[in-house]
Amino acid sequence: MSDDASLDEFLGDESGDHAETGASAPSDDGEATTATEPAADIEPATTTYAWSGEGAACDECGETAERRWQQAGGLVCPGCKDWDRA
């Protein structure tokens, strides 16, 4: 076995309780077990950028672009992107 620390050792509260984080924790037999926690309050990640090697249509002007950014619910090319807007 390696002397390297497992990332699981850094999860949980100070008491070492992994159940609150939903992280995998080693069981008594050495196998990892996963504590369950409702994910209802976790927001999924939102993409802000898309890349396509063949290019894809800009949702605003229709031009083909390899790189497109989120704007107003669609993916737009660099020319249509409002860079001043947050």
PDB file of N, CA and C in Angstrom:
ATOM      1  N   MET A   1       0.846  -1.179   0.000  1.00  0.00           N
ATOM      2  CA  MET A   1       0.000   0.000   0.000  1.00  0.00           C
ATOM      3  C   MET A   1       0.886   1.235   0.000  1.00  0.00           C
ATOM      4  N   SER A   2       0.418   2.282  -0.625  1.00  0.00           N
ATOM      5  CA  SER A   2       1.158   3.526  -0.757  1.00  0.00           C
ATOM      6  C   SER A   2       1.082   4.347   0.523  1.00  0.00           C
ATOM      7  N   ASP A   3       2.111   5.163   0.750  1.00  0.00           N
ATOM      8  CA  ASP A   3       2.108   6.073   1.891  1.00  0.00           C
ATOM      9  C   ASP A   3       1.363   7.359   1.586  1.00  0.00           C
ATOM     10  N   ASP A   4       0.925   7.521   0.322  1.00  0.00           N
ATOM     11  CA  ASP A   4       0.191   8.720  -0.065  1.00  0.00           C
ATOM     12  C   ASP A   4      -1.165   8.755   0.628  1.00  0.00           C
ATOM     13  N   ALA A   5      -1.596   9.942   1.005  1.00  0.00           N
ATOM     14  CA  ALA A   5      -2.905  10.110   1.632  1.00  0.00           C
ATOM     15  C   ALA A   5      -3.994  10.030   0.575  1.00  0.00           C
ATOM     16  N   SER A   6      -5.116   9.447   0.938  1.00  0.00           N
ATOM     17  CA  SER A   6      -6.277   9.390   0.067  1.00  0.00           C
ATOM     18  C   SER A   6      -7.038  10.705   0.196  1.00  0.00           C
ATOM     19  N   LEU A   7      -7.658  11.146  -0.880  1.00  0.00           N
ATOM     20  CA  LEU A   7      -8.468  12.363  -0.806  1.00  0.00           C
ATOM     21  C   LEU A   7      -9.616  12.211   0.177  1.00  0.00           C
ATOM     22  N   ASP A   8     -10.094  10.974   0.360  1.00  0.00           N
ATOM     23  CA  ASP A   8     -11.179  10.730   1.308  1.00  0.00           C
ATOM     24  C   ASP A   8     -10.801  11.135   2.730  1.00  0.00           C
ATOM     25  N   GLU A   9      -9.519  11.118   3.043  1.00  0.00           N
ATOM     26  CA  GLU A   9      -9.080  11.488   4.384  1.00  0.00           C
ATOM     27  C   GLU A   9      -9.301  12.968   4.687  1.00  0.00           C
ATOM     28  N   PHE A  10      -9.518  13.783   3.664  1.00  0.00           N
ATOM     29  CA  PHE A  10      -9.695  15.212   3.850  1.00  0.00           C
ATOM     30  C   PHE A  10     -11.153  15.638   3.843  1.00  0.00           C
ATOM     31  N   LEU A  11     -12.072  14.699   3.650  1.00  0.00           N
ATOM     32  CA  LEU A  11     -13.498  15.002   3.611  1.00  0.00           C
ATOM     33  C   LEU A  11     -14.120  14.817   4.983  1.00  0.00           C
ATOM     34  N   GLY A  12     -15.278  15.432   5.180  1.00  0.00           N
ATOM     35  CA  GLY A  12     -16.017  15.247   6.419  1.00  0.00           C
ATOM     36  C   GLY A  12     -15.675  16.319   7.436  1.00  0.00           C
ATOM     37  N   ASP A  13     -16.317  16.197   8.581  1.00  0.00           N
ATOM     38  CA  ASP A  13     -16.066  17.160   9.643  1.00  0.00           C
ATOM     39  C   ASP A  13     -14.862  16.717  10.466  1.00  0.00           C
ATOM     40  N   GLU A  14     -14.571  17.448  11.522  1.00  0.00           N
ATOM     41  CA  GLU A  14     -13.387  17.172  12.322  1.00  0.00           C
ATOM     42  C   GLU A  14     -13.436  15.816  12.999  1.00  0.00           C
ATOM     43  N   SER A  15     -14.635  15.273  13.225  1.00  0.00           N
ATOM     44  CA  SER A  15     -14.743  13.978  13.882  1.00  0.00           C
ATOM     45  C   SER A  15     -14.461  12.838  12.928  1.00  0.00           C
ATOM     46  N   GLY A  16     -14.271  13.146  11.642  1.00  0.00           N
ATOM     47  CA  GLY A  16     -13.993  12.105  10.659  1.00  0.00           C
ATOM     48  C   GLY A  16     -15.251  11.481  10.104  1.00  0.00           C
ATOM     49  N   ASP A  17     -16.419  12.055  10.398  1.00  0.00           N
ATOM     50  CA  ASP A  17     -17.688  11.525   9.920  1.00  0.00           C
ATOM     51  C   ASP A  17     -17.881  11.892   8.457  1.00  0.00           C
ATOM     52  N   HIS A  18     -17.916  10.898   7.583  1.00  0.00           N
ATOM     53  CA  HIS A  18     -18.055  11.134   6.154  1.00  0.00           C
ATOM     54  C   HIS A  18     -19.510  11.170   5.708  1.00  0.00           C
ATOM     55  N   ALA A  19     -20.446  10.799   6.533  1.00  0.00           N
ATOM     56  CA  ALA A  19     -21.850  10.694   6.132  1.00  0.00           C
ATOM     57  C   ALA A  19     -22.436  12.034   5.731  1.00  0.00           C
ATOM     58  N   GLU A  20     -21.982  13.112   6.338  1.00  0.00           N
ATOM     59  CA  GLU A  20     -22.555  14.412   6.029  1.00  0.00           C
ATOM     60  C   GLU A  20     -22.149  14.929   4.664  1.00  0.00           C
ATOM     61  N   THR A  21     -21.044  14.480   4.126  1.00  0.00           N
ATOM     62  CA  THR A  21     -20.563  14.997   2.855  1.00  0.00           C
ATOM     63  C   THR A  21     -21.026  14.180   1.670  1.00  0.00           C
ATOM     64  N   GLY A  22     -21.508  12.965   1.891  1.00  0.00           N
ATOM     65  CA  GLY A  22     -21.879  12.094   0.791  1.00  0.00           C
ATOM     66  C   GLY A  22     -20.664  11.491   0.122  1.00  0.00           C
ATOM     67  N   ALA A  23     -19.528  11.523   0.790  1.00  0.00           N
ATOM     68  CA  ALA A  23     -18.282  11.024   0.211  1.00  0.00           C
ATOM     69  C   ALA A  23     -18.111   9.545   0.485  1.00  0.00           C
ATOM     70  N   SER A  24     -17.252   8.935  -0.296  1.00  0.00           N
ATOM     71  CA  SER A  24     -16.912   7.542  -0.055  1.00  0.00           C
ATOM     72  C   SER A  24     -15.976   7.472   1.131  1.00  0.00           C
ATOM     73  N   ALA A  25     -16.215   6.526   2.000  1.00  0.00           N
ATOM     74  CA  ALA A  25     -15.361   6.321   3.154  1.00  0.00           C
ATOM     75  C   ALA A  25     -15.042   4.845   3.249  1.00  0.00           C
ATOM     76  N   PRO A  26     -13.829   4.492   3.654  1.00  0.00           N
ATOM     77  CA  PRO A  26     -13.500   3.078   3.770  1.00  0.00           C
ATOM     78  C   PRO A  26     -14.293   2.436   4.896  1.00  0.00           C
ATOM     79  N   SER A  27     -14.791   1.235   4.637  1.00  0.00           N
ATOM     80  CA  SER A  27     -15.516   0.492   5.666  1.00  0.00           C
ATOM     81  C   SER A  27     -14.524  -0.340   6.464  1.00  0.00           C
ATOM     82  N   ASP A  28     -15.021  -1.075   7.446  1.00  0.00           N
ATOM     83  CA  ASP A  28     -14.147  -1.890   8.282  1.00  0.00           C
ATOM     84  C   ASP A  28     -13.400  -2.947   7.493  1.00  0.00           C
ATOM     85  N   ASP A  29     -13.977  -3.430   6.377  1.00  0.00           N
ATOM     86  CA  ASP A  29     -13.317  -4.456   5.579  1.00  0.00           C
ATOM     87  C   ASP A  29     -12.383  -3.868   4.526  1.00  0.00           C
ATOM     88  N   GLY A  30     -12.188  -2.537   4.521  1.00  0.00           N
ATOM     89  CA  GLY A  30     -11.271  -1.898   3.585  1.00  0.00           C
ATOM     90  C   GLY A  30     -11.911  -1.473   2.277  1.00  0.00           C
ATOM     91  N   GLU A  31     -13.136  -1.883   2.022  1.00  0.00           N
ATOM     92  CA  GLU A  31     -13.837  -1.499   0.801  1.00  0.00           C
ATOM     93  C   GLU A  31     -14.492  -0.143   1.003  1.00  0.00           C
ATOM     94  N   ALA A  32     -14.572   0.636  -0.069  1.00  0.00           N
ATOM     95  CA  ALA A  32     -15.198   1.958   0.008  1.00  0.00           C
ATOM     96  C   ALA A  32     -16.712   1.812   0.020  1.00  0.00           C
ATOM     97  N   THR A  33     -17.355   2.580   0.863  1.00  0.00           N
ATOM     98  CA  THR A  33     -18.813   2.641   0.900  1.00  0.00           C
ATOM     99  C   THR A  33     -19.208   4.079   0.672  1.00  0.00           C
ATOM    100  N   THR A  34     -20.361   4.297   0.081  1.00  0.00           N
ATOM    101  CA  THR A  34     -20.802   5.648  -0.208  1.00  0.00           C
ATOM    102  C   THR A  34     -21.959   6.012   0.698  1.00  0.00           C
ATOM    103  N   ALA A  35     -21.812   7.099   1.423  1.00  0.00           N
ATOM    104  CA  ALA A  35     -22.892   7.606   2.256  1.00  0.00           C
ATOM    105  C   ALA A  35     -23.879   8.319   1.347  1.00  0.00           C
ATOM    106  N   THR A  36     -25.139   8.134   1.583  1.00  0.00           N
ATOM    107  CA  THR A  36     -26.144   8.769   0.734  1.00  0.00           C
ATOM    108  C   THR A  36     -26.639  10.048   1.373  1.00  0.00           C
ATOM    109  N   GLU A  37     -26.863  11.026   0.539  1.00  0.00           N
ATOM    110  CA  GLU A  37     -27.378  12.321   0.975  1.00  0.00           C
ATOM    111  C   GLU A  37     -28.233  12.862  -0.153  1.00  0.00           C
ATOM    112  N   PRO A  38     -29.399  13.398   0.147  1.00  0.00           N
ATOM    113  CA  PRO A  38     -30.236  13.948  -0.921  1.00  0.00           C
ATOM    114  C   PRO A  38     -29.511  15.066  -1.657  1.00  0.00           C
ATOM    115  N   ALA A  39     -29.571  15.045  -2.973  1.00  0.00           N
ATOM    116  CA  ALA A  39     -28.898  16.052  -3.791  1.00  0.00           C
ATOM    117  C   ALA A  39     -29.855  17.135  -4.263  1.00  0.00           C
ATOM    118  N   ALA A  40     -30.988  17.272  -3.607  1.00  0.00           N
ATOM    119  CA  ALA A  40     -32.005  18.219  -4.043  1.00  0.00           C
ATOM    120  C   ALA A  40     -31.521  19.668  -3.974  1.00  0.00           C
ATOM    121  N   ASP A  41     -30.647  19.987  -3.026  1.00  0.00           N
ATOM    122  CA  ASP A  41     -30.204  21.372  -2.883  1.00  0.00           C
ATOM    123  C   ASP A  41     -28.907  21.674  -3.644  1.00  0.00           C
ATOM    124  N   ILE A  42     -28.435  20.729  -4.450  1.00  0.00           N
ATOM    125  CA  ILE A  42     -27.225  20.935  -5.232  1.00  0.00           C
ATOM    126  C   ILE A  42     -27.607  21.333  -6.655  1.00  0.00           C
ATOM    127  N   GLU A  43     -27.134  22.498  -7.090  1.00  0.00           N
ATOM    128  CA  GLU A  43     -27.425  22.960  -8.447  1.00  0.00           C
ATOM    129  C   GLU A  43     -26.444  22.324  -9.427  1.00  0.00           C
ATOM    130  N   PRO A  44     -26.937  21.824 -10.556  1.00  0.00           N
ATOM    131  CA  PRO A  44     -26.008  21.261 -11.543  1.00  0.00           C
ATOM    132  C   PRO A  44     -25.154  22.362 -12.158  1.00  0.00           C
ATOM    133  N   ALA A  45     -23.990  21.980 -12.634  1.00  0.00           N
ATOM    134  CA  ALA A  45     -23.081  22.944 -13.266  1.00  0.00           C
ATOM    135  C   ALA A  45     -23.703  23.483 -14.549  1.00  0.00           C
ATOM    136  N   THR A  46     -23.429  24.721 -14.841  1.00  0.00           N
ATOM    137  CA  THR A  46     -23.927  25.360 -16.049  1.00  0.00           C
ATOM    138  C   THR A  46     -22.742  25.648 -16.962  1.00  0.00           C
ATOM    139  N   THR A  47     -22.840  25.222 -18.212  1.00  0.00           N
ATOM    140  CA  THR A  47     -21.758  25.494 -19.146  1.00  0.00           C
ATOM    141  C   THR A  47     -21.791  26.957 -19.558  1.00  0.00           C
ATOM    142  N   THR A  48     -20.616  27.513 -19.805  1.00  0.00           N
ATOM    143  CA  THR A  48     -20.515  28.892 -20.269  1.00  0.00           C
ATOM    144  C   THR A  48     -19.858  28.968 -21.632  1.00  0.00           C
ATOM    145  N   TYR A  49     -19.328  27.852 -22.112  1.00  0.00           N
ATOM    146  CA  TYR A  49     -18.529  27.833 -23.323  1.00  0.00           C
ATOM    147  C   TYR A  49     -18.677  26.470 -23.989  1.00  0.00           C
ATOM    148  N   ALA A  50     -18.655  26.439 -25.299  1.00  0.00           N
ATOM    149  CA  ALA A  50     -18.700  25.176 -26.044  1.00  0.00           C
ATOM    150  C   ALA A  50     -17.702  25.240 -27.186  1.00  0.00           C
ATOM    151  N   TRP A  51     -17.075  24.107 -27.471  1.00  0.00           N
ATOM    152  CA  TRP A  51     -16.120  24.024 -28.572  1.00  0.00           C
ATOM    153  C   TRP A  51     -16.496  22.838 -29.437  1.00  0.00           C
ATOM    154  N   SER A  52     -16.441  23.010 -30.745  1.00  0.00           N
ATOM    155  CA  SER A  52     -16.720  21.940 -31.690  1.00  0.00           C
ATOM    156  C   SER A  52     -15.678  22.013 -32.792  1.00  0.00           C
ATOM    157  N   GLY A  53     -14.933  20.929 -32.996  1.00  0.00           N
ATOM    158  CA  GLY A  53     -13.884  20.901 -34.011  1.00  0.00           C
ATOM    159  C   GLY A  53     -14.392  21.174 -35.410  1.00  0.00           C
ATOM    160  N   GLU A  54     -15.590  20.706 -35.720  1.00  0.00           N
ATOM    161  CA  GLU A  54     -16.179  20.955 -37.042  1.00  0.00           C
ATOM    162  C   GLU A  54     -16.907  22.289 -37.102  1.00  0.00           C
ATOM    163  N   GLY A  55     -17.124  22.896 -35.952  1.00  0.00           N
ATOM    164  CA  GLY A  55     -17.878  24.139 -35.886  1.00  0.00           C
ATOM    165  C   GLY A  55     -19.356  23.857 -35.731  1.00  0.00           C
ATOM    166  N   ALA A  56     -20.075  24.813 -35.222  1.00  0.00           N
ATOM    167  CA  ALA A  56     -21.517  24.709 -35.030  1.00  0.00           C
ATOM    168  C   ALA A  56     -22.119  26.093 -35.254  1.00  0.00           C
ATOM    169  N   ALA A  57     -23.392  26.120 -35.548  1.00  0.00           N
ATOM    170  CA  ALA A  57     -24.070  27.381 -35.861  1.00  0.00           C
ATOM    171  C   ALA A  57     -24.240  28.253 -34.628  1.00  0.00           C
ATOM    172  N   CYS A  58     -23.967  29.532 -34.799  1.00  0.00           N
ATOM    173  CA  CYS A  58     -24.219  30.533 -33.765  1.00  0.00           C
ATOM    174  C   CYS A  58     -25.731  30.691 -33.643  1.00  0.00           C
ATOM    175  N   ASP A  59     -26.240  30.704 -32.419  1.00  0.00           N
ATOM    176  CA  ASP A  59     -27.680  30.843 -32.206  1.00  0.00           C
ATOM    177  C   ASP A  59     -28.201  32.232 -32.547  1.00  0.00           C
ATOM    178  N   GLU A  60     -27.316  33.194 -32.713  1.00  0.00           N
ATOM    179  CA  GLU A  60     -27.762  34.552 -33.026  1.00  0.00           C
ATOM    180  C   GLU A  60     -27.643  34.872 -34.517  1.00  0.00           C
ATOM    181  N   CYS A  61     -26.478  34.639 -35.131  1.00  0.00           N
ATOM    182  CA  CYS A  61     -26.289  35.019 -36.529  1.00  0.00           C
ATOM    183  C   CYS A  61     -26.294  33.828 -37.495  1.00  0.00           C
ATOM    184  N   GLY A  62     -26.156  32.615 -36.958  1.00  0.00           N
ATOM    185  CA  GLY A  62     -26.177  31.424 -37.797  1.00  0.00           C
ATOM    186  C   GLY A  62     -24.843  31.043 -38.420  1.00  0.00           C
ATOM    187  N   GLU A  63     -23.814  31.872 -38.262  1.00  0.00           N
ATOM    188  CA  GLU A  63     -22.487  31.575 -38.801  1.00  0.00           C
ATOM    189  C   GLU A  63     -21.877  30.387 -38.054  1.00  0.00           C
ATOM    190  N   THR A  64     -21.066  29.601 -38.738  1.00  0.00           N
ATOM    191  CA  THR A  64     -20.390  28.465 -38.118  1.00  0.00           C
ATOM    192  C   THR A  64     -19.169  28.948 -37.355  1.00  0.00           C
ATOM    193  N   ALA A  65     -19.044  28.494 -36.120  1.00  0.00           N
ATOM    194  CA  ALA A  65     -17.912  28.874 -35.272  1.00  0.00           C
ATOM    195  C   ALA A  65     -17.479  27.676 -34.444  1.00  0.00           C
ATOM    196  N   GLU A  66     -16.165  27.528 -34.266  1.00  0.00           N
ATOM    197  CA  GLU A  66     -15.656  26.456 -33.409  1.00  0.00           C
ATOM    198  C   GLU A  66     -15.913  26.765 -31.937  1.00  0.00           C
ATOM    199  N   ARG A  67     -15.768  28.028 -31.559  1.00  0.00           N
ATOM    200  CA  ARG A  67     -15.938  28.452 -30.164  1.00  0.00           C
ATOM    201  C   ARG A  67     -17.215  29.269 -30.029  1.00  0.00           C
ATOM    202  N   ARG A  68     -18.055  28.906 -29.037  1.00  0.00           N
ATOM    203  CA  ARG A  68     -19.297  29.639 -28.784  1.00  0.00           C
ATOM    204  C   ARG A  68     -19.491  29.791 -27.279  1.00  0.00           C
ATOM    205  N   TRP A  69     -20.070  30.918 -26.867  1.00  0.00           N
ATOM    206  CA  TRP A  69     -20.296  31.225 -25.463  1.00  0.00           C
ATOM    207  C   TRP A  69     -21.784  31.355 -25.187  1.00  0.00           C
ATOM    208  N   GLN A  70     -22.185  31.088 -23.941  1.00  0.00           N
ATOM    209  CA  GLN A  70     -23.572  31.241 -23.512  1.00  0.00           C
ATOM    210  C   GLN A  70     -23.958  32.703 -23.493  1.00  0.00           C
ATOM    211  N   GLN A  71     -25.143  32.979 -24.015  1.00  0.00           N
ATOM    212  CA  GLN A  71     -25.716  34.322 -23.955  1.00  0.00           C
ATOM    213  C   GLN A  71     -27.200  34.198 -24.222  1.00  0.00           C
ATOM    214  N   ALA A  72     -28.009  34.712 -23.316  1.00  0.00           N
ATOM    215  CA  ALA A  72     -29.476  34.731 -23.456  1.00  0.00           C
ATOM    216  C   ALA A  72     -30.038  33.344 -23.769  1.00  0.00           C
ATOM    217  N   GLY A  73     -29.498  32.323 -23.096  1.00  0.00           N
ATOM    218  CA  GLY A  73     -30.032  30.980 -23.249  1.00  0.00           C
ATOM    219  C   GLY A  73     -29.559  30.223 -24.475  1.00  0.00           C
ATOM    220  N   GLY A  74     -28.638  30.781 -25.250  1.00  0.00           N
ATOM    221  CA  GLY A  74     -28.111  30.106 -26.423  1.00  0.00           C
ATOM    222  C   GLY A  74     -26.604  30.216 -26.492  1.00  0.00           C
ATOM    223  N   LEU A  75     -26.007  29.563 -27.497  1.00  0.00           N
ATOM    224  CA  LEU A  75     -24.566  29.621 -27.700  1.00  0.00           C
ATOM    225  C   LEU A  75     -24.270  30.521 -28.891  1.00  0.00           C
ATOM    226  N   VAL A  76     -23.448  31.554 -28.656  1.00  0.00           N
ATOM    227  CA  VAL A  76     -23.168  32.534 -29.703  1.00  0.00           C
ATOM    228  C   VAL A  76     -21.670  32.598 -30.010  1.00  0.00           C
ATOM    229  N   CYS A  77     -21.351  33.021 -31.234  1.00  0.00           N
ATOM    230  CA  CYS A  77     -19.964  33.139 -31.683  1.00  0.00           C
ATOM    231  C   CYS A  77     -19.298  34.340 -31.010  1.00  0.00           C
ATOM    232  N   PRO A  78     -17.963  34.446 -31.132  1.00  0.00           N
ATOM    233  CA  PRO A  78     -17.270  35.582 -30.512  1.00  0.00           C
ATOM    234  C   PRO A  78     -17.755  36.939 -31.024  1.00  0.00           C
ATOM    235  N   GLY A  79     -18.156  37.018 -32.288  1.00  0.00           N
ATOM    236  CA  GLY A  79     -18.639  38.284 -32.836  1.00  0.00           C
ATOM    237  C   GLY A  79     -19.980  38.720 -32.276  1.00  0.00           C
ATOM    238  N   CYS A  80     -20.816  37.771 -31.883  1.00  0.00           N
ATOM    239  CA  CYS A  80     -22.135  38.102 -31.339  1.00  0.00           C
ATOM    240  C   CYS A  80     -22.147  38.205 -29.824  1.00  0.00           C
ATOM    241  N   LYS A  81     -21.107  37.721 -29.164  1.00  0.00           N
ATOM    242  CA  LYS A  81     -21.045  37.743 -27.719  1.00  0.00           C
ATOM    243  C   LYS A  81     -20.938  39.169 -27.207  1.00  0.00           C
ATOM    244  N   ASP A  82     -21.815  39.532 -26.266  1.00  0.00           N
ATOM    245  CA  ASP A  82     -21.777  40.846 -25.608  1.00  0.00           C
ATOM    246  C   ASP A  82     -20.781  40.748 -24.463  1.00  0.00           C
ATOM    247  N   TRP A  83     -19.544  41.130 -24.722  1.00  0.00           N
ATOM    248  CA  TRP A  83     -18.461  40.952 -23.744  1.00  0.00           C
ATOM    249  C   TRP A  83     -18.574  41.891 -22.554  1.00  0.00           C
ATOM    250  N   ASP A  84     -19.343  42.960 -22.646  1.00  0.00           N
ATOM    251  CA  ASP A  84     -19.499  43.898 -21.540  1.00  0.00           C
ATOM    252  C   ASP A  84     -20.493  43.391 -20.504  1.00  0.00           C
ATOM    253  N   ARG A  85     -21.328  42.450 -20.902  1.00  0.00           N
ATOM    254  CA  ARG A  85     -22.359  41.923 -20.023  1.00  0.00           C
ATOM    255  C   ARG A  85     -21.783  40.830 -19.144  1.00  0.00           C
ATOM    256  N   ALA A  86     -22.176  40.796 -17.879  1.00  0.00           N
ATOM    257  CA  ALA A  86     -21.681  39.777 -16.945  1.00  0.00           C
ATOM    258  C   ALA A  86     -22.391  38.477 -17.120  1.00  0.00           C
TER     259      ALA A  86
END
